[in-house]
């Protein structure tokens, strides 16, 4: 019996209502993500890329359709069950790092493990090891305000991968960085994809970045189509 996909959505649609105004953002989106896949979703600003990623990650609810993580329809899960499944199976990276300013790099990266029940000292040891792997051995006890933009994004990437998730959802992960730093971060993402077997779903407006993935989709008028 084959394992279900890491992530699957079927007939996904999303509308936003504001008074009498009804805005259809996504229309009948279908996507399957298997272990190790490298998928890019390309689209112009306002095309619904981030909305789709939020739905895939269980951070928002669709108007219709469903999202499954390892075969489980996430809309049928309790808040706690969804949080646990998301913590174990998915990692998130955003254009802005969202690191907690009062904590060091090690403490920020350790948080998902601690939330998942790992003893804090063990969690911090694992966080140190991953931060070293992403090139931050000299920044372990620094707070976000003491890190460069690229260093913050490396720390955010380590935090997303600390639980060794089956899928990394990345929303413009290099969009706020200069070209050289962005290239280094993207290379690191691909390297960790290969070494950990983590599937990648990267939302981007950068067609050059998308071309380096195995499969690229484009969001146009709320619909997902294969190719750029």
Foldseek 3Di string as FASTA:
>chain_A
DDWAAQKWWFQFWAWDDDPPDIGTQAGGETDTHHFLAEEEEAEDPSNCLVVVLCQRLVVDDTPDTFMDGRRHTLVVDDPVVSVLSSLQAEFEAELALPFDQVFFLLVSLLVSVVVNPDDSVVSSVLSCVQLVVLPNVVRRRPGPVPDDRLSSLSSSVSSRCSSLHREYEYEPSLVNDPPVSSVSVLVVVSVCCVVSSHYYYYYDNDVVSRVPGPWYWYRDSNYIGTDD
